[in-house]
C-alpha atoms as a PDB file:
ATOM      1  CA  MET A   1      -0.473  -0.438  -0.184  1.00  0.00           C
ATOM      2  CA  ALA A   2       3.031   2.394   0.662  1.00  0.00           C
ATOM      3  CA  THR A   3       4.075   1.696  -3.203  1.00  0.00           C
ATOM      4  CA  SER A   4       0.660   3.292  -4.153  1.00  0.00           C
ATOM      5  CA  ILE A   5       0.888   5.985  -2.566  1.00  0.00           C
ATOM      6  CA  GLU A   6       4.609   6.835  -3.108  1.00  0.00           C
ATOM      7  CA  GLU A   7       3.136   6.875  -6.605  1.00  0.00           C
ATOM      8  CA  LYS A   8       0.343   8.625  -6.118  1.00  0.00           C
ATOM      9  CA  ILE A   9       2.793  11.840  -4.781  1.00  0.00           C
ATOM     10  CA  LYS A  10       5.062  11.011  -7.643  1.00  0.00           C
ATOM     11  CA  ALA A  11       2.352  11.387 -10.025  1.00  0.00           C
ATOM     12  CA  GLN A  12       0.939  14.679  -8.507  1.00  0.00           C
ATOM     13  CA  GLU A  13       4.172  16.098  -8.150  1.00  0.00           C
ATOM     14  CA  GLU A  14       5.128  15.831 -12.055  1.00  0.00           C
ATOM     15  CA  LYS A  15       1.443  17.174 -12.261  1.00  0.00           C
ATOM     16  CA  LEU A  16       2.314  19.629  -9.853  1.00  0.00           C
ATOM     17  CA  LYS A  17       6.151  20.421 -12.005  1.00  0.00           C
ATOM     18  CA  GLN A  18       3.754  20.455 -15.510  1.00  0.00           C
ATOM     19  CA  LEU A  19       1.001  23.033 -14.364  1.00  0.00           C
ATOM     20  CA  LYS A  20       4.076  25.499 -13.014  1.00  0.00           C
ATOM     21  CA  ALA A  21       5.628  24.958 -16.820  1.00  0.00           C
ATOM     22  CA  GLN A  22       2.645  26.420 -18.064  1.00  0.00           C
ATOM     23  CA  LYS A  23       1.814  28.886 -16.104  1.00  0.00           C
ATOM     24  CA  GLN A  24       5.220  30.136 -16.918  1.00  0.00           C
ATOM     25  CA  GLN A  25       4.636  29.847 -21.109  1.00  0.00           C
ATOM     26  CA  ILE A  26       1.535  31.841 -19.757  1.00  0.00           C
ATOM     27  CA  GLU A  27       3.031  34.574 -18.155  1.00  0.00           C
ATOM     28  CA  ALA A  28       5.868  35.080 -20.716  1.00  0.00           C
ATOM     29  CA  ARG A  29       3.750  34.848 -23.472  1.00  0.00           C
ATOM     30  CA  LYS A  30       2.137  38.094 -21.620  1.00  0.00           C
ATOM     31  CA  ARG A  31       4.532  39.811 -21.047  1.00  0.00           C
ATOM     32  CA  ALA A  32       6.178  39.895 -24.848  1.00  0.00           C
ATOM     33  CA  ALA A  33       2.574  40.820 -25.966  1.00  0.00           C
ATOM     34  CA  ALA A  34       3.061  43.575 -23.697  1.00  0.00           C
ATOM     35  CA  ALA A  35       6.523  44.651 -24.792  1.00  0.00           C
ATOM     36  CA  LYS A  36       5.220  44.485 -28.334  1.00  0.00           C
ATOM     37  CA  VAL A  37       1.921  46.472 -27.544  1.00  0.00           C
ATOM     38  CA  THR A  38       4.808  49.385 -26.089  1.00  0.00           C
ATOM     39  CA  ARG A  39       6.712  49.243 -28.898  1.00  0.00           C
ATOM     40  CA  GLN A  40       4.058  49.819 -31.428  1.00  0.00           C
ATOM     41  CA  GLN A  41       2.940  52.524 -29.316  1.00  0.00           C
ATOM     42  CA  ASP A  42       6.563  53.178 -29.289  1.00  0.00           C
ATOM     43  CA  THR A  43       7.209  53.623 -32.981  1.00  0.00           C
ATOM     44  CA  ARG A  44       3.321  54.971 -33.901  1.00  0.00           C
ATOM     45  CA  ARG A  45       4.307  58.137 -31.336  1.00  0.00           C
ATOM     46  CA  LYS A  46       7.770  58.788 -33.238  1.00  0.00           C
ATOM     47  CA  VAL A  47       5.773  58.455 -36.408  1.00  0.00           C
ATOM     48  CA  LEU A  48       3.390  60.607 -35.746  1.00  0.00           C
ATOM     49  CA  ALA A  49       6.238  62.816 -34.122  1.00  0.00           C
ATOM     50  CA  GLY A  50       7.878  63.529 -36.980  1.00  0.00           C
ATOM     51  CA  ALA A  51       5.181  63.973 -38.831  1.00  0.00           C
ATOM     52  CA  MET A  52       4.068  66.806 -36.911  1.00  0.00           C
ATOM     53  CA  VAL A  53       7.920  68.341 -37.922  1.00  0.00           C
ATOM     54  CA  LEU A  54       7.968  68.146 -41.106  1.00  0.00           C
ATOM     55  CA  GLU A  55       4.573  69.404 -41.520  1.00  0.00           C
ATOM     56  CA  MET A  56       6.151  72.839 -39.130  1.00  0.00           C
ATOM     57  CA  MET A  57       8.956  72.967 -41.204  1.00  0.00           C
ATOM     58  CA  GLU A  58       7.048  73.033 -44.663  1.00  0.00           C
ATOM     59  CA  ARG A  59       5.202  75.732 -43.500  1.00  0.00           C
ATOM     60  CA  ASP A  60       7.404  78.070 -42.274  1.00  0.00           C
ATOM     61  CA  GLU A  61      10.982  78.270 -43.210  1.00  0.00           C
ATOM     62  CA  ASN A  62      12.353  79.656 -39.854  1.00  0.00           C
ATOM     63  CA  THR A  63      11.464  76.395 -38.519  1.00  0.00           C
ATOM     64  CA  ARG A  64      13.149  74.411 -41.013  1.00  0.00           C
ATOM     65  CA  GLN A  65      16.442  76.024 -40.390  1.00  0.00           C
ATOM     66  CA  ARG A  66      16.715  76.417 -36.696  1.00  0.00           C
ATOM     67  CA  PHE A  67      15.651  72.331 -36.878  1.00  0.00           C
ATOM     68  CA  MET A  68      18.570  71.585 -38.777  1.00  0.00           C
ATOM     69  CA  GLN A  69      20.665  72.918 -37.545  1.00  0.00           C
ATOM     70  CA  ARG A  70      19.166  71.242 -34.240  1.00  0.00           C
ATOM     71  CA  PHE A  71      19.465  68.151 -35.987  1.00  0.00           C
ATOM     72  CA  ASP A  72      22.917  68.553 -37.306  1.00  0.00           C
ATOM     73  CA  SER A  73      24.208  69.292 -33.809  1.00  0.00           C
ATOM     74  CA  TYR A  74      22.020  66.119 -32.417  1.00  0.00           C
ATOM     75  CA  LEU A  75      23.513  63.988 -35.251  1.00  0.00           C
ATOM     76  CA  GLY A  76      27.023  65.024 -34.647  1.00  0.00           C
ATOM     77  CA  SER A  77      26.963  64.513 -30.438  1.00  0.00           C
ATOM     78  CA  SER A  78      25.560  61.477 -31.001  1.00  0.00           C
ATOM     79  CA  GLN A  79      28.024  60.106 -33.546  1.00  0.00           C
ATOM     80  CA  ASN A  80      30.688  61.554 -31.474  1.00  0.00           C
ATOM     81  CA  SER A  81      29.229  59.616 -28.258  1.00  0.00           C
ATOM     82  CA  GLU A  82      29.410  56.250 -30.347  1.00  0.00           C
ATOM     83  CA  ASN A  83      32.589  56.603 -31.090  1.00  0.00           C
ATOM     84  CA  LYS A  84      33.411  57.108 -27.781  1.00  0.00           C
ATOM     85  CA  ALA A  85      32.065  54.267 -27.099  1.00  0.00           C
ATOM     86  CA  ARG A  86      34.353  51.891 -28.769  1.00  0.00           C
END
């Protein structure tokens, strides 16, 4: 009779192990889905910001010149920081 109980315990432990693995998979899928949505929202925000900047530059030459100066400066500083990191 002891063997039967030990077998039941072993079977239940195995089932628990499988259920825990399923739970981890579900949680991983949820995290991946949330990360995907966050990336999509971030990309959309960047695209809309870029569209707004382009429209502002088309409307006003002074705005375009100021933006291009800042943009060139930004690109120059990012390239410098990338070169320093290497």
